């Protein structure tokens, strides 16, 4: 199973959108500063995720969410679809 996910930085209140096949490990790596794009901007919390059968579908959804480029639209996405 693959996931598209949204993280929120507790320090800067910024969002990070990504995909993975292991949510727990990926969140741990973000919080341990092992991911270059989020290094020293945490701690991070998982605020939203979607589940997909294939990596390509998860990647496609990640690119779509990133294309929205609107904080309000991204927040609306996970506030109306709370699954945590």
PDB file of N, CA and C in Angstrom:
ATOM      1  N   UNK A   1       0.840  -1.176   0.000  1.00  0.00           N
ATOM      2  CA  UNK A   1       0.000   0.000   0.000  1.00  0.00           C
ATOM      3  C   UNK A   1       0.888   1.243   0.000  1.00  0.00           C
ATOM      4  N   UNK A   2       0.446   2.273  -0.701  1.00  0.00           N
ATOM      5  CA  UNK A   2       1.174   3.541  -0.780  1.00  0.00           C
ATOM      6  C   UNK A   2       0.284   4.669  -0.278  1.00  0.00           C
ATOM      7  N   UNK A   3       0.912   5.714   0.188  1.00  0.00           N
ATOM      8  CA  UNK A   3       0.186   6.825   0.799  1.00  0.00           C
ATOM      9  C   UNK A   3       0.670   8.163   0.250  1.00  0.00           C
ATOM     10  N   UNK A   4      -0.264   9.069   0.057  1.00  0.00           N
ATOM     11  CA  UNK A   4       0.041  10.474  -0.154  1.00  0.00           C
ATOM     12  C   UNK A   4      -0.286  11.125   1.176  1.00  0.00           C
ATOM     13  N   UNK A   5       0.616  11.982   1.664  1.00  0.00           N
ATOM     14  CA  UNK A   5       0.426  12.515   3.006  1.00  0.00           C
ATOM     15  C   UNK A   5       0.742  14.002   3.061  1.00  0.00           C
ATOM     16  N   UNK A   6       0.191  14.641   4.088  1.00  0.00           N
ATOM     17  CA  UNK A   6       0.485  16.044   4.367  1.00  0.00           C
ATOM     18  C   UNK A   6       0.951  16.137   5.813  1.00  0.00           C
ATOM     19  N   UNK A   7       2.111  16.761   5.991  1.00  0.00           N
ATOM     20  CA  UNK A   7       2.656  17.018   7.315  1.00  0.00           C
ATOM     21  C   UNK A   7       2.553  18.506   7.602  1.00  0.00           C
ATOM     22  N   UNK A   8       2.448  18.842   8.882  1.00  0.00           N
ATOM     23  CA  UNK A   8       2.456  20.235   9.298  1.00  0.00           C
ATOM     24  C   UNK A   8       3.587  20.427  10.297  1.00  0.00           C
ATOM     25  N   UNK A   9       4.380  21.457  10.078  1.00  0.00           N
ATOM     26  CA  UNK A   9       5.454  21.788  11.004  1.00  0.00           C
ATOM     27  C   UNK A   9       4.863  22.474  12.225  1.00  0.00           C
ATOM     28  N   UNK A  10       5.177  21.969  13.394  1.00  0.00           N
ATOM     29  CA  UNK A  10       4.676  22.575  14.623  1.00  0.00           C
ATOM     30  C   UNK A  10       5.397  23.879  14.944  1.00  0.00           C
ATOM     31  N   UNK A  11       6.580  24.077  14.387  1.00  0.00           N
ATOM     32  CA  UNK A  11       7.327  25.308  14.672  1.00  0.00           C
ATOM     33  C   UNK A  11       7.017  26.420  13.667  1.00  0.00           C
ATOM     34  N   UNK A  12       6.964  26.087  12.375  1.00  0.00           N
ATOM     35  CA  UNK A  12       6.765  27.127  11.363  1.00  0.00           C
ATOM     36  C   UNK A  12       5.350  27.160  10.793  1.00  0.00           C
ATOM     37  N   UNK A  13       4.538  26.150  11.119  1.00  0.00           N
ATOM     38  CA  UNK A  13       3.158  26.034  10.623  1.00  0.00           C
ATOM     39  C   UNK A  13       3.087  25.813   9.106  1.00  0.00           C
ATOM     40  N   UNK A  14       4.194  25.438   8.488  1.00  0.00           N
ATOM     41  CA  UNK A  14       4.222  25.159   7.055  1.00  0.00           C
ATOM     42  C   UNK A  14       3.808  23.714   6.813  1.00  0.00           C
ATOM     43  N   UNK A  15       3.425  23.433   5.556  1.00  0.00           N
ATOM     44  CA  UNK A  15       3.012  22.091   5.167  1.00  0.00           C
ATOM     45  C   UNK A  15       4.054  21.451   4.269  1.00  0.00           C
ATOM     46  N   UNK A  16       4.101  20.128   4.333  1.00  0.00           N
ATOM     47  CA  UNK A  16       4.927  19.345   3.433  1.00  0.00           C
ATOM     48  C   UNK A  16       4.048  18.238   2.868  1.00  0.00           C
ATOM     49  N   UNK A  17       4.106  18.034   1.563  1.00  0.00           N
ATOM     50  CA  UNK A  17       3.295  17.018   0.888  1.00  0.00           C
ATOM     51  C   UNK A  17       4.247  15.994   0.274  1.00  0.00           C
ATOM     52  N   UNK A  18       3.964  14.720   0.505  1.00  0.00           N
ATOM     53  CA  UNK A  18       4.824  13.675  -0.030  1.00  0.00           C
ATOM     54  C   UNK A  18       4.071  12.372  -0.220  1.00  0.00           C
ATOM     55  N   UNK A  19       4.821  11.334  -0.596  1.00  0.00           N
ATOM     56  CA  UNK A  19       4.237   9.993  -0.722  1.00  0.00           C
ATOM     57  C   UNK A  19       5.231   8.978  -0.171  1.00  0.00           C
ATOM     58  N   UNK A  20       4.714   7.842   0.270  1.00  0.00           N
ATOM     59  CA  UNK A  20       5.548   6.799   0.872  1.00  0.00           C
ATOM     60  C   UNK A  20       4.786   5.482   0.901  1.00  0.00           C
ATOM     61  N   UNK A  21       5.487   4.419   1.235  1.00  0.00           N
ATOM     62  CA  UNK A  21       4.807   3.139   1.466  1.00  0.00           C
ATOM     63  C   UNK A  21       4.836   2.765   2.949  1.00  0.00           C
ATOM     64  N   UNK A  22       5.395   3.653   3.799  1.00  0.00           N
ATOM     65  CA  UNK A  22       5.449   3.398   5.235  1.00  0.00           C
ATOM     66  C   UNK A  22       5.321   4.734   5.976  1.00  0.00           C
ATOM     67  N   UNK A  23       4.121   5.084   6.367  1.00  0.00           N
ATOM     68  CA  UNK A  23       3.863   6.376   7.006  1.00  0.00           C
ATOM     69  C   UNK A  23       4.621   6.560   8.313  1.00  0.00           C
ATOM     70  N   UNK A  24       4.634   5.553   9.150  1.00  0.00           N
ATOM     71  CA  UNK A  24       5.298   5.676  10.451  1.00  0.00           C
ATOM     72  C   UNK A  24       6.792   5.946  10.297  1.00  0.00           C
ATOM     73  N   UNK A  25       7.449   5.173   9.453  1.00  0.00           N
ATOM     74  CA  UNK A  25       8.880   5.349   9.234  1.00  0.00           C
ATOM     75  C   UNK A  25       9.167   6.702   8.590  1.00  0.00           C
ATOM     76  N   UNK A  26       8.349   7.104   7.643  1.00  0.00           N
ATOM     77  CA  UNK A  26       8.575   8.373   6.961  1.00  0.00           C
ATOM     78  C   UNK A  26       8.433   9.555   7.922  1.00  0.00           C
ATOM     79  N   UNK A  27       7.419   9.534   8.764  1.00  0.00           N
ATOM     80  CA  UNK A  27       7.240  10.598   9.748  1.00  0.00           C
ATOM     81  C   UNK A  27       8.435  10.629  10.708  1.00  0.00           C
ATOM     82  N   UNK A  28       8.886   9.461  11.118  1.00  0.00           N
ATOM     83  CA  UNK A  28      10.050   9.372  12.001  1.00  0.00           C
ATOM     84  C   UNK A  28      11.272   9.993  11.326  1.00  0.00           C
ATOM     85  N   UNK A  29      11.490   9.699  10.051  1.00  0.00           N
ATOM     86  CA  UNK A  29      12.636  10.247   9.326  1.00  0.00           C
ATOM     87  C   UNK A  29      12.530  11.765   9.196  1.00  0.00           C
ATOM     88  N   UNK A  30      11.326  12.287   8.963  1.00  0.00           N
ATOM     89  CA  UNK A  30      11.147  13.742   8.902  1.00  0.00           C
ATOM     90  C   UNK A  30      11.518  14.364  10.250  1.00  0.00           C
ATOM     91  N   UNK A  31      11.058  13.776  11.321  1.00  0.00           N
ATOM     92  CA  UNK A  31      11.297  14.330  12.654  1.00  0.00           C
ATOM     93  C   UNK A  31      12.725  14.144  13.150  1.00  0.00           C
ATOM     94  N   UNK A  32      13.464  13.233  12.556  1.00  0.00           N
ATOM     95  CA  UNK A  32      14.871  13.027  12.920  1.00  0.00           C
ATOM     96  C   UNK A  32      15.812  13.775  11.973  1.00  0.00           C
ATOM     97  N   UNK A  33      15.271  14.686  11.164  1.00  0.00           N
ATOM     98  CA  UNK A  33      16.047  15.503  10.220  1.00  0.00           C
ATOM     99  C   UNK A  33      16.822  14.676   9.204  1.00  0.00           C
ATOM    100  N   UNK A  34      16.254  13.554   8.782  1.00  0.00           N
ATOM    101  CA  UNK A  34      16.890  12.696   7.785  1.00  0.00           C
ATOM    102  C   UNK A  34      16.358  12.944   6.389  1.00  0.00           C
ATOM    103  N   UNK A  35      15.456  13.902   6.234  1.00  0.00           N
ATOM    104  CA  UNK A  35      14.895  14.252   4.928  1.00  0.00           C
ATOM    105  C   UNK A  35      15.365  15.664   4.606  1.00  0.00           C
ATOM    106  N   UNK A  36      16.134  15.802   3.549  1.00  0.00           N
ATOM    107  CA  UNK A  36      16.765  17.074   3.213  1.00  0.00           C
ATOM    108  C   UNK A  36      15.769  18.222   3.099  1.00  0.00           C
ATOM    109  N   UNK A  37      14.644  17.996   2.464  1.00  0.00           N
ATOM    110  CA  UNK A  37      13.702  19.094   2.214  1.00  0.00           C
ATOM    111  C   UNK A  37      12.968  19.575   3.460  1.00  0.00           C
ATOM    112  N   UNK A  38      12.997  18.809   4.544  1.00  0.00           N
ATOM    113  CA  UNK A  38      12.312  19.240   5.767  1.00  0.00           C
ATOM    114  C   UNK A  38      13.272  19.384   6.946  1.00  0.00           C
ATOM    115  N   UNK A  39      14.550  19.247   6.683  1.00  0.00           N
ATOM    116  CA  UNK A  39      15.553  19.280   7.744  1.00  0.00           C
ATOM    117  C   UNK A  39      15.501  20.602   8.505  1.00  0.00           C
ATOM    118  N   UNK A  40      15.519  20.503   9.827  1.00  0.00           N
ATOM    119  CA  UNK A  40      15.537  21.657  10.740  1.00  0.00           C
ATOM    120  C   UNK A  40      14.304  22.553  10.631  1.00  0.00           C
ATOM    121  N   UNK A  41      13.190  22.005  10.164  1.00  0.00           N
ATOM    122  CA  UNK A  41      11.950  22.781  10.109  1.00  0.00           C
ATOM    123  C   UNK A  41      10.854  22.135  10.936  1.00  0.00           C
ATOM    124  N   UNK A  42      11.150  21.078  11.661  1.00  0.00           N
ATOM    125  CA  UNK A  42      10.167  20.348  12.443  1.00  0.00           C
ATOM    126  C   UNK A  42      10.070  20.875  13.853  1.00  0.00           C
ATOM    127  N   UNK A  43       9.429  20.156  14.724  1.00  0.00           N
ATOM    128  CA  UNK A  43       8.856  18.822  14.537  1.00  0.00           C
ATOM    129  C   UNK A  43       7.623  18.837  13.637  1.00  0.00           C
ATOM    130  N   UNK A  44       7.356  17.681  13.067  1.00  0.00           N
ATOM    131  CA  UNK A  44       6.265  17.510  12.114  1.00  0.00           C
ATOM    132  C   UNK A  44       5.173  16.635  12.691  1.00  0.00           C
ATOM    133  N   UNK A  45       3.934  16.933  12.300  1.00  0.00           N
ATOM    134  CA  UNK A  45       2.816  16.057  12.654  1.00  0.00           C
ATOM    135  C   UNK A  45       2.061  15.698  11.377  1.00  0.00           C
ATOM    136  N   UNK A  46       1.575  14.481  11.337  1.00  0.00           N
ATOM    137  CA  UNK A  46       0.781  14.012  10.206  1.00  0.00           C
ATOM    138  C   UNK A  46      -0.632  14.570  10.351  1.00  0.00           C
ATOM    139  N   UNK A  47      -1.078  15.343   9.347  1.00  0.00           N
ATOM    140  CA  UNK A  47      -2.411  15.927   9.431  1.00  0.00           C
ATOM    141  C   UNK A  47      -3.388  15.300   8.437  1.00  0.00           C
ATOM    142  N   UNK A  48      -2.863  14.577   7.433  1.00  0.00           N
ATOM    143  CA  UNK A  48      -3.753  14.007   6.413  1.00  0.00           C
ATOM    144  C   UNK A  48      -3.013  12.944   5.625  1.00  0.00           C
ATOM    145  N   UNK A  49      -3.739  11.906   5.208  1.00  0.00           N
ATOM    146  CA  UNK A  49      -3.174  10.944   4.274  1.00  0.00           C
ATOM    147  C   UNK A  49      -4.276  10.280   3.466  1.00  0.00           C
ATOM    148  N   UNK A  50      -3.889   9.785   2.303  1.00  0.00           N
ATOM    149  CA  UNK A  50      -4.768   9.009   1.430  1.00  0.00           C
ATOM    150  C   UNK A  50      -4.024   7.734   1.063  1.00  0.00           C
ATOM    151  N   UNK A  51      -4.762   6.655   0.866  1.00  0.00           N
ATOM    152  CA  UNK A  51      -4.173   5.338   0.603  1.00  0.00           C
ATOM    153  C   UNK A  51      -4.382   4.961  -0.862  1.00  0.00           C
ATOM    154  N   UNK A  52      -3.341   4.400  -1.490  1.00  0.00           N
ATOM    155  CA  UNK A  52      -3.411   3.982  -2.899  1.00  0.00           C
ATOM    156  C   UNK A  52      -2.779   2.611  -3.073  1.00  0.00           C
ATOM    157  N   UNK A  53      -3.227   1.903  -4.080  1.00  0.00           N
ATOM    158  CA  UNK A  53      -2.703   0.563  -4.344  1.00  0.00           C
ATOM    159  C   UNK A  53      -1.353   0.592  -5.032  1.00  0.00           C
ATOM    160  N   UNK A  54      -1.067   1.638  -5.807  1.00  0.00           N
ATOM    161  CA  UNK A  54       0.192   1.701  -6.545  1.00  0.00           C
ATOM    162  C   UNK A  54       0.949   2.982  -6.235  1.00  0.00           C
ATOM    163  N   UNK A  55       2.249   2.906  -6.387  1.00  0.00           N
ATOM    164  CA  UNK A  55       3.098   4.075  -6.163  1.00  0.00           C
ATOM    165  C   UNK A  55       2.772   5.171  -7.174  1.00  0.00           C
ATOM    166  N   UNK A  56       2.507   4.797  -8.405  1.00  0.00           N
ATOM    167  CA  UNK A  56       2.230   5.808  -9.429  1.00  0.00           C
ATOM    168  C   UNK A  56       0.972   6.616  -9.099  1.00  0.00           C
ATOM    169  N   UNK A  57      -0.045   5.987  -8.551  1.00  0.00           N
ATOM    170  CA  UNK A  57      -1.257   6.715  -8.167  1.00  0.00           C
ATOM    171  C   UNK A  57      -0.978   7.676  -7.007  1.00  0.00           C
ATOM    172  N   UNK A  58      -0.173   7.227  -6.041  1.00  0.00           N
ATOM    173  CA  UNK A  58       0.181   8.086  -4.908  1.00  0.00           C
ATOM    174  C   UNK A  58       1.014   9.273  -5.383  1.00  0.00           C
ATOM    175  N   UNK A  59       1.933   9.040  -6.310  1.00  0.00           N
ATOM    176  CA  UNK A  59       2.761  10.120  -6.852  1.00  0.00           C
ATOM    177  C   UNK A  59       1.912  11.111  -7.651  1.00  0.00           C
ATOM    178  N   UNK A  60       0.977  10.598  -8.421  1.00  0.00           N
ATOM    179  CA  UNK A  60       0.100  11.465  -9.201  1.00  0.00           C
ATOM    180  C   UNK A  60      -0.707  12.386  -8.271  1.00  0.00           C
ATOM    181  N   UNK A  61      -1.235  11.821  -7.205  1.00  0.00           N
ATOM    182  CA  UNK A  61      -2.026  12.614  -6.257  1.00  0.00           C
ATOM    183  C   UNK A  61      -1.147  13.648  -5.546  1.00  0.00           C
ATOM    184  N   UNK A  62       0.075  13.263  -5.193  1.00  0.00           N
ATOM    185  CA  UNK A  62       1.011  14.204  -4.578  1.00  0.00           C
ATOM    186  C   UNK A  62       1.251  15.398  -5.499  1.00  0.00           C
ATOM    187  N   UNK A  63       1.522  15.118  -6.769  1.00  0.00           N
ATOM    188  CA  UNK A  63       1.753  16.212  -7.722  1.00  0.00           C
ATOM    189  C   UNK A  63       0.524  17.097  -7.863  1.00  0.00           C
ATOM    190  N   UNK A  64      -0.668  16.485  -7.853  1.00  0.00           N
ATOM    191  CA  UNK A  64      -1.894  17.275  -7.964  1.00  0.00           C
ATOM    192  C   UNK A  64      -2.058  18.208  -6.756  1.00  0.00           C
ATOM    193  N   UNK A  65      -1.883  17.679  -5.562  1.00  0.00           N
ATOM    194  CA  UNK A  65      -2.043  18.507  -4.360  1.00  0.00           C
ATOM    195  C   UNK A  65      -1.008  19.636  -4.363  1.00  0.00           C
ATOM    196  N   UNK A  66       0.233  19.331  -4.750  1.00  0.00           N
ATOM    197  CA  UNK A  66       1.260  20.366  -4.809  1.00  0.00           C
ATOM    198  C   UNK A  66       0.911  21.438  -5.841  1.00  0.00           C
ATOM    199  N   UNK A  67       0.211  21.058  -6.893  1.00  0.00           N
ATOM    200  CA  UNK A  67      -0.151  22.025  -7.940  1.00  0.00           C
ATOM    201  C   UNK A  67      -1.204  23.014  -7.460  1.00  0.00           C
ATOM    202  N   UNK A  68      -1.913  22.703  -6.392  1.00  0.00           N
ATOM    203  CA  UNK A  68      -2.933  23.609  -5.870  1.00  0.00           C
ATOM    204  C   UNK A  68      -2.318  24.916  -5.387  1.00  0.00           C
ATOM    205  N   UNK A  69      -1.143  24.836  -4.799  1.00  0.00           N
ATOM    206  CA  UNK A  69      -0.357  25.993  -4.372  1.00  0.00           C
ATOM    207  C   UNK A  69      -1.104  26.989  -3.495  1.00  0.00           C
ATOM    208  N   UNK A  70      -2.169  26.568  -2.896  1.00  0.00           N
ATOM    209  CA  UNK A  70      -2.934  27.462  -2.037  1.00  0.00           C
ATOM    210  C   UNK A  70      -3.062  26.833  -0.659  1.00  0.00           C
ATOM    211  N   UNK A  71      -2.571  27.522   0.342  1.00  0.00           N
ATOM    212  CA  UNK A  71      -2.656  27.021   1.711  1.00  0.00           C
ATOM    213  C   UNK A  71      -4.109  26.759   2.093  1.00  0.00           C
ATOM    214  N   UNK A  72      -4.992  27.668   1.734  1.00  0.00           N
ATOM    215  CA  UNK A  72      -6.410  27.535   2.066  1.00  0.00           C
ATOM    216  C   UNK A  72      -7.010  26.280   1.414  1.00  0.00           C
ATOM    217  N   UNK A  73      -6.680  26.022   0.157  1.00  0.00           N
ATOM    218  CA  UNK A  73      -7.205  24.851  -0.545  1.00  0.00           C
ATOM    219  C   UNK A  73      -6.669  23.567   0.068  1.00  0.00           C
ATOM    220  N   UNK A  74      -5.393  23.558   0.407  1.00  0.00           N
ATOM    221  CA  UNK A  74      -4.794  22.368   1.027  1.00  0.00           C
ATOM    222  C   UNK A  74      -5.417  22.115   2.394  1.00  0.00           C
ATOM    223  N   UNK A  75      -5.598  23.171   3.189  1.00  0.00           N
ATOM    224  CA  UNK A  75      -6.236  23.004   4.497  1.00  0.00           C
ATOM    225  C   UNK A  75      -7.673  22.534   4.352  1.00  0.00           C
ATOM    226  N   UNK A  76      -8.380  23.048   3.373  1.00  0.00           N
ATOM    227  CA  UNK A  76      -9.763  22.628   3.128  1.00  0.00           C
ATOM    228  C   UNK A  76      -9.806  21.131   2.798  1.00  0.00           C
ATOM    229  N   UNK A  77      -8.826  20.665   2.047  1.00  0.00           N
ATOM    230  CA  UNK A  77      -8.745  19.252   1.672  1.00  0.00           C
ATOM    231  C   UNK A  77      -8.726  18.368   2.911  1.00  0.00           C
ATOM    232  N   UNK A  78      -7.844  18.661   3.858  1.00  0.00           N
ATOM    233  CA  UNK A  78      -7.769  17.747   5.007  1.00  0.00           C
ATOM    234  C   UNK A  78      -8.743  18.081   6.114  1.00  0.00           C
ATOM    235  N   UNK A  79      -9.250  19.295   6.172  1.00  0.00           N
ATOM    236  CA  UNK A  79     -10.244  19.609   7.201  1.00  0.00           C
ATOM    237  C   UNK A  79     -11.618  19.014   6.863  1.00  0.00           C
ATOM    238  N   UNK A  80     -11.915  18.854   5.583  1.00  0.00           N
ATOM    239  CA  UNK A  80     -13.195  18.272   5.190  1.00  0.00           C
ATOM    240  C   UNK A  80     -13.118  16.750   5.059  1.00  0.00           C
ATOM    241  N   UNK A  81     -11.911  16.200   5.093  1.00  0.00           N
ATOM    242  CA  UNK A  81     -11.729  14.756   4.930  1.00  0.00           C
ATOM    243  C   UNK A  81     -10.877  14.187   6.047  1.00  0.00           C
ATOM    244  N   UNK A  82     -11.164  14.556   7.266  1.00  0.00           N
ATOM    245  CA  UNK A  82     -10.337  14.068   8.383  1.00  0.00           C
ATOM    246  C   UNK A  82     -10.382  12.547   8.460  1.00  0.00           C
ATOM    247  N   UNK A  83      -9.209  11.936   8.381  1.00  0.00           N
ATOM    248  CA  UNK A  83      -9.146  10.481   8.463  1.00  0.00           C
ATOM    249  C   UNK A  83      -8.135  10.013   9.492  1.00  0.00           C
ATOM    250  N   UNK A  84      -7.688  10.886  10.361  1.00  0.00           N
ATOM    251  CA  UNK A  84      -6.721  10.480  11.403  1.00  0.00           C
ATOM    252  C   UNK A  84      -7.419  10.265  12.710  1.00  0.00           C
TER     253      UNK A  84
END
